[in-house]
């Protein structure tokens, strides 16, 4: 569903991807998956991307 690109590098290196596993269930609960290349792990990229994806989903649903 999405990809993580490190834009702090000149070439916008692709460092991983993330997305929702399936549609939310009847209670509105969903599951998200992600992966990050090991060279970029433990640097907060996945957290930042997941936070942005959740924000987009929450606020796009009410607009």
PDB file of N, CA and C in Angstrom:
ATOM      1  N   UNK A   1       0.802  -1.202   0.000  1.00  0.00           N
ATOM      2  CA  UNK A   1       0.000   0.000   0.000  1.00  0.00           C
ATOM      3  C   UNK A   1       0.839   1.258   0.000  1.00  0.00           C
ATOM      4  N   UNK A   2       1.970   1.188   0.629  1.00  0.00           N
ATOM      5  CA  UNK A   2       2.801   2.371   0.681  1.00  0.00           C
ATOM      6  C   UNK A   2       4.256   1.978   0.684  1.00  0.00           C
ATOM      7  N   UNK A   3       5.108   2.950   0.600  1.00  0.00           N
ATOM      8  CA  UNK A   3       6.530   2.654   0.674  1.00  0.00           C
ATOM      9  C   UNK A   3       7.207   3.723   1.523  1.00  0.00           C
ATOM     10  N   UNK A   4       8.316   3.356   2.086  1.00  0.00           N
ATOM     11  CA  UNK A   4       9.100   4.294   2.889  1.00  0.00           C
ATOM     12  C   UNK A   4      10.294   4.731   2.054  1.00  0.00           C
ATOM     13  N   UNK A   5      10.393   5.996   1.791  1.00  0.00           N
ATOM     14  CA  UNK A   5      11.543   6.530   1.068  1.00  0.00           C
ATOM     15  C   UNK A   5      12.264   7.496   1.985  1.00  0.00           C
ATOM     16  N   UNK A   6      13.551   7.338   2.093  1.00  0.00           N
ATOM     17  CA  UNK A   6      14.345   8.211   2.935  1.00  0.00           C
ATOM     18  C   UNK A   6      14.689   9.456   2.136  1.00  0.00           C
ATOM     19  N   UNK A   7      13.969  10.537   2.389  1.00  0.00           N
ATOM     20  CA  UNK A   7      14.189  11.744   1.599  1.00  0.00           C
ATOM     21  C   UNK A   7      15.338  12.603   2.119  1.00  0.00           C
ATOM     22  N   UNK A   8      16.048  12.149   3.133  1.00  0.00           N
ATOM     23  CA  UNK A   8      17.217  12.897   3.582  1.00  0.00           C
ATOM     24  C   UNK A   8      18.427  12.605   2.698  1.00  0.00           C
ATOM     25  N   UNK A   9      18.293  11.600   1.839  1.00  0.00           N
ATOM     26  CA  UNK A   9      19.341  11.291   0.868  1.00  0.00           C
ATOM     27  C   UNK A   9      18.937  11.872  -0.476  1.00  0.00           C
ATOM     28  N   UNK A  10      19.900  12.246  -1.268  1.00  0.00           N
ATOM     29  CA  UNK A  10      19.638  12.901  -2.551  1.00  0.00           C
ATOM     30  C   UNK A  10      18.822  12.031  -3.497  1.00  0.00           C
ATOM     31  N   UNK A  11      18.968  10.710  -3.411  1.00  0.00           N
ATOM     32  CA  UNK A  11      18.272   9.833  -4.355  1.00  0.00           C
ATOM     33  C   UNK A  11      16.959   9.269  -3.819  1.00  0.00           C
ATOM     34  N   UNK A  12      16.476   9.723  -2.685  1.00  0.00           N
ATOM     35  CA  UNK A  12      15.228   9.222  -2.072  1.00  0.00           C
ATOM     36  C   UNK A  12      15.198   7.696  -2.030  1.00  0.00           C
ATOM     37  N   UNK A  13      16.186   7.127  -1.415  1.00  0.00           N
ATOM     38  CA  UNK A  13      16.360   5.678  -1.315  1.00  0.00           C
ATOM     39  C   UNK A  13      15.127   5.004  -0.743  1.00  0.00           C
ATOM     40  N   UNK A  14      14.667   3.950  -1.403  1.00  0.00           N
ATOM     41  CA  UNK A  14      13.562   3.157  -0.895  1.00  0.00           C
ATOM     42  C   UNK A  14      14.093   2.293   0.242  1.00  0.00           C
ATOM     43  N   UNK A  15      13.521   2.458   1.436  1.00  0.00           N
ATOM     44  CA  UNK A  15      14.045   1.747   2.605  1.00  0.00           C
ATOM     45  C   UNK A  15      13.063   0.752   3.206  1.00  0.00           C
ATOM     46  N   UNK A  16      11.846   0.671   2.684  1.00  0.00           N
ATOM     47  CA  UNK A  16      10.880  -0.281   3.207  1.00  0.00           C
ATOM     48  C   UNK A  16       9.494  -0.003   2.683  1.00  0.00           C
ATOM     49  N   UNK A  17       8.519  -0.680   3.255  1.00  0.00           N
ATOM     50  CA  UNK A  17       7.135  -0.439   2.873  1.00  0.00           C
ATOM     51  C   UNK A  17       6.207  -0.679   4.059  1.00  0.00           C
ATOM     52  N   UNK A  18       4.989  -0.192   3.929  1.00  0.00           N
ATOM     53  CA  UNK A  18       3.987  -0.403   4.967  1.00  0.00           C
ATOM     54  C   UNK A  18       2.612  -0.336   4.355  1.00  0.00           C
ATOM     55  N   UNK A  19       1.657  -0.872   5.066  1.00  0.00           N
ATOM     56  CA  UNK A  19       0.279  -0.822   4.598  1.00  0.00           C
ATOM     57  C   UNK A  19      -0.635  -1.596   5.511  1.00  0.00           C
ATOM     58  N   UNK A  20      -1.918  -1.541   5.196  1.00  0.00           N
ATOM     59  CA  UNK A  20      -2.897  -2.278   5.972  1.00  0.00           C
ATOM     60  C   UNK A  20      -3.016  -3.686   5.418  1.00  0.00           C
ATOM     61  N   UNK A  21      -3.180  -4.658   6.302  1.00  0.00           N
ATOM     62  CA  UNK A  21      -3.283  -6.052   5.917  1.00  0.00           C
ATOM     63  C   UNK A  21      -4.624  -6.318   5.221  1.00  0.00           C
ATOM     64  N   UNK A  22      -5.690  -5.735   5.726  1.00  0.00           N
ATOM     65  CA  UNK A  22      -7.022  -5.939   5.179  1.00  0.00           C
ATOM     66  C   UNK A  22      -7.889  -4.761   5.595  1.00  0.00           C
ATOM     67  N   UNK A  23      -9.130  -4.771   5.199  1.00  0.00           N
ATOM     68  CA  UNK A  23     -10.069  -3.737   5.619  1.00  0.00           C
ATOM     69  C   UNK A  23     -10.343  -3.882   7.113  1.00  0.00           C
ATOM     70  N   UNK A  24     -10.726  -2.789   7.778  1.00  0.00           N
ATOM     71  CA  UNK A  24     -11.090  -2.898   9.200  1.00  0.00           C
ATOM     72  C   UNK A  24     -12.271  -3.838   9.403  1.00  0.00           C
ATOM     73  N   UNK A  25     -12.313  -4.485  10.571  1.00  0.00           N
ATOM     74  CA  UNK A  25     -13.432  -5.372  10.880  1.00  0.00           C
ATOM     75  C   UNK A  25     -14.653  -4.563  11.315  1.00  0.00           C
ATOM     76  N   UNK A  26     -15.687  -5.234  11.808  1.00  0.00           N
ATOM     77  CA  UNK A  26     -16.935  -4.571  12.188  1.00  0.00           C
ATOM     78  C   UNK A  26     -16.754  -3.573  13.328  1.00  0.00           C
ATOM     79  N   UNK A  27     -15.723  -3.757  14.137  1.00  0.00           N
ATOM     80  CA  UNK A  27     -15.488  -2.831  15.247  1.00  0.00           C
ATOM     81  C   UNK A  27     -14.589  -1.666  14.840  1.00  0.00           C
ATOM     82  N   UNK A  28     -14.109  -1.685  13.595  1.00  0.00           N
ATOM     83  CA  UNK A  28     -13.230  -0.625  13.124  1.00  0.00           C
ATOM     84  C   UNK A  28     -11.761  -0.899  13.375  1.00  0.00           C
ATOM     85  N   UNK A  29     -11.454  -2.104  13.865  1.00  0.00           N
ATOM     86  CA  UNK A  29     -10.067  -2.467  14.152  1.00  0.00           C
ATOM     87  C   UNK A  29      -9.396  -2.978  12.887  1.00  0.00           C
ATOM     88  N   UNK A  30      -8.204  -2.493  12.635  1.00  0.00           N
ATOM     89  CA  UNK A  30      -7.446  -2.922  11.471  1.00  0.00           C
ATOM     90  C   UNK A  30      -6.063  -3.391  11.869  1.00  0.00           C
ATOM     91  N   UNK A  31      -5.374  -3.985  10.920  1.00  0.00           N
ATOM     92  CA  UNK A  31      -4.017  -4.468  11.169  1.00  0.00           C
ATOM     93  C   UNK A  31      -3.080  -3.877  10.123  1.00  0.00           C
ATOM     94  N   UNK A  32      -1.943  -3.390  10.596  1.00  0.00           N
ATOM     95  CA  UNK A  32      -0.957  -2.761   9.739  1.00  0.00           C
ATOM     96  C   UNK A  32       0.311  -3.609   9.743  1.00  0.00           C
ATOM     97  N   UNK A  33       0.980  -3.663   8.603  1.00  0.00           N
ATOM     98  CA  UNK A  33       2.250  -4.368   8.518  1.00  0.00           C
ATOM     99  C   UNK A  33       3.311  -3.448   7.924  1.00  0.00           C
ATOM    100  N   UNK A  34       4.555  -3.718   8.245  1.00  0.00           N
ATOM    101  CA  UNK A  34       5.639  -2.909   7.705  1.00  0.00           C
ATOM    102  C   UNK A  34       6.927  -3.719   7.677  1.00  0.00           C
ATOM    103  N   UNK A  35       7.847  -3.259   6.873  1.00  0.00           N
ATOM    104  CA  UNK A  35       9.207  -3.798   6.896  1.00  0.00           C
ATOM    105  C   UNK A  35      10.158  -2.672   6.526  1.00  0.00           C
ATOM    106  N   UNK A  36      11.339  -2.726   7.115  1.00  0.00           N
ATOM    107  CA  UNK A  36      12.370  -1.729   6.884  1.00  0.00           C
ATOM    108  C   UNK A  36      13.679  -2.468   6.653  1.00  0.00           C
ATOM    109  N   UNK A  37      14.445  -2.026   5.680  1.00  0.00           N
ATOM    110  CA  UNK A  37      15.753  -2.629   5.454  1.00  0.00           C
ATOM    111  C   UNK A  37      16.592  -2.515   6.723  1.00  0.00           C
ATOM    112  N   UNK A  38      17.356  -3.545   7.012  1.00  0.00           N
ATOM    113  CA  UNK A  38      18.106  -3.595   8.268  1.00  0.00           C
ATOM    114  C   UNK A  38      19.062  -2.411   8.436  1.00  0.00           C
ATOM    115  N   UNK A  39      19.583  -1.901   7.364  1.00  0.00           N
ATOM    116  CA  UNK A  39      20.496  -0.755   7.456  1.00  0.00           C
ATOM    117  C   UNK A  39      19.806   0.501   7.983  1.00  0.00           C
ATOM    118  N   UNK A  40      18.468   0.519   7.913  1.00  0.00           N
ATOM    119  CA  UNK A  40      17.713   1.702   8.340  1.00  0.00           C
ATOM    120  C   UNK A  40      16.846   1.433   9.561  1.00  0.00           C
ATOM    121  N   UNK A  41      16.959   0.242  10.146  1.00  0.00           N
ATOM    122  CA  UNK A  41      16.117  -0.078  11.297  1.00  0.00           C
ATOM    123  C   UNK A  41      16.576   0.667  12.548  1.00  0.00           C
ATOM    124  N   UNK A  42      15.694   0.733  13.522  1.00  0.00           N
ATOM    125  CA  UNK A  42      15.967   1.393  14.811  1.00  0.00           C
ATOM    126  C   UNK A  42      16.292   2.881  14.665  1.00  0.00           C
ATOM    127  N   UNK A  43      15.735   3.516  13.622  1.00  0.00           N
ATOM    128  CA  UNK A  43      15.966   4.949  13.411  1.00  0.00           C
ATOM    129  C   UNK A  43      14.662   5.747  13.404  1.00  0.00           C
ATOM    130  N   UNK A  44      13.549   5.071  13.669  1.00  0.00           N
ATOM    131  CA  UNK A  44      12.266   5.752  13.765  1.00  0.00           C
ATOM    132  C   UNK A  44      11.498   5.911  12.466  1.00  0.00           C
ATOM    133  N   UNK A  45      12.023   5.370  11.368  1.00  0.00           N
ATOM    134  CA  UNK A  45      11.345   5.529  10.090  1.00  0.00           C
ATOM    135  C   UNK A  45       9.986   4.834  10.072  1.00  0.00           C
ATOM    136  N   UNK A  46       9.906   3.608  10.557  1.00  0.00           N
ATOM    137  CA  UNK A  46       8.645   2.860  10.557  1.00  0.00           C
ATOM    138  C   UNK A  46       7.624   3.538  11.462  1.00  0.00           C
ATOM    139  N   UNK A  47       8.044   3.996  12.608  1.00  0.00           N
ATOM    140  CA  UNK A  47       7.132   4.685  13.523  1.00  0.00           C
ATOM    141  C   UNK A  47       6.568   5.936  12.863  1.00  0.00           C
ATOM    142  N   UNK A  48       7.425   6.720  12.260  1.00  0.00           N
ATOM    143  CA  UNK A  48       6.994   7.960  11.622  1.00  0.00           C
ATOM    144  C   UNK A  48       6.027   7.683  10.469  1.00  0.00           C
ATOM    145  N   UNK A  49       6.319   6.670   9.674  1.00  0.00           N
ATOM    146  CA  UNK A  49       5.452   6.329   8.551  1.00  0.00           C
ATOM    147  C   UNK A  49       4.112   5.789   9.039  1.00  0.00           C
ATOM    148  N   UNK A  50       4.124   4.930  10.064  1.00  0.00           N
ATOM    149  CA  UNK A  50       2.885   4.382  10.606  1.00  0.00           C
ATOM    150  C   UNK A  50       2.030   5.489  11.210  1.00  0.00           C
ATOM    151  N   UNK A  51       2.662   6.392  11.902  1.00  0.00           N
ATOM    152  CA  UNK A  51       1.946   7.525  12.491  1.00  0.00           C
ATOM    153  C   UNK A  51       1.266   8.354  11.400  1.00  0.00           C
ATOM    154  N   UNK A  52       1.966   8.593  10.305  1.00  0.00           N
ATOM    155  CA  UNK A  52       1.404   9.369   9.201  1.00  0.00           C
ATOM    156  C   UNK A  52       0.249   8.627   8.538  1.00  0.00           C
ATOM    157  N   UNK A  53       0.386   7.321   8.357  1.00  0.00           N
ATOM    158  CA  UNK A  53      -0.671   6.532   7.732  1.00  0.00           C
ATOM    159  C   UNK A  53      -1.932   6.524   8.584  1.00  0.00           C
ATOM    160  N   UNK A  54      -1.785   6.368   9.877  1.00  0.00           N
ATOM    161  CA  UNK A  54      -2.941   6.403  10.779  1.00  0.00           C
ATOM    162  C   UNK A  54      -3.584   7.787  10.746  1.00  0.00           C
ATOM    163  N   UNK A  55      -2.794   8.825  10.765  1.00  0.00           N
ATOM    164  CA  UNK A  55      -3.318  10.195  10.711  1.00  0.00           C
ATOM    165  C   UNK A  55      -4.131  10.411   9.437  1.00  0.00           C
ATOM    166  N   UNK A  56      -3.586   9.975   8.311  1.00  0.00           N
ATOM    167  CA  UNK A  56      -4.290  10.126   7.034  1.00  0.00           C
ATOM    168  C   UNK A  56      -5.624   9.382   7.071  1.00  0.00           C
ATOM    169  N   UNK A  57      -5.603   8.175   7.582  1.00  0.00           N
ATOM    170  CA  UNK A  57      -6.836   7.382   7.638  1.00  0.00           C
ATOM    171  C   UNK A  57      -7.883   8.028   8.548  1.00  0.00           C
ATOM    172  N   UNK A  58      -7.460   8.483   9.695  1.00  0.00           N
ATOM    173  CA  UNK A  58      -8.415   9.085  10.627  1.00  0.00           C
ATOM    174  C   UNK A  58      -9.033  10.357  10.076  1.00  0.00           C
ATOM    175  N   UNK A  59      -8.223  11.211   9.486  1.00  0.00           N
ATOM    176  CA  UNK A  59      -8.734  12.500   9.047  1.00  0.00           C
ATOM    177  C   UNK A  59      -9.319  12.486   7.646  1.00  0.00           C
ATOM    178  N   UNK A  60      -8.981  11.504   6.840  1.00  0.00           N
ATOM    179  CA  UNK A  60      -9.610  11.424   5.522  1.00  0.00           C
ATOM    180  C   UNK A  60     -11.023  10.846   5.638  1.00  0.00           C
ATOM    181  N   UNK A  61     -11.289  10.119   6.710  1.00  0.00           N
ATOM    182  CA  UNK A  61     -12.606   9.514   6.913  1.00  0.00           C
ATOM    183  C   UNK A  61     -13.657  10.561   7.274  1.00  0.00           C
ATOM    184  N   UNK A  62     -13.241  11.707   7.801  1.00  0.00           N
ATOM    185  CA  UNK A  62     -14.219  12.714   8.222  1.00  0.00           C
ATOM    186  C   UNK A  62     -14.293  13.897   7.278  1.00  0.00           C
ATOM    187  N   UNK A  63     -13.520  13.860   6.211  1.00  0.00           N
ATOM    188  CA  UNK A  63     -13.586  14.987   5.267  1.00  0.00           C
ATOM    189  C   UNK A  63     -14.241  14.572   3.981  1.00  0.00           C
TER     190      UNK A  63
END
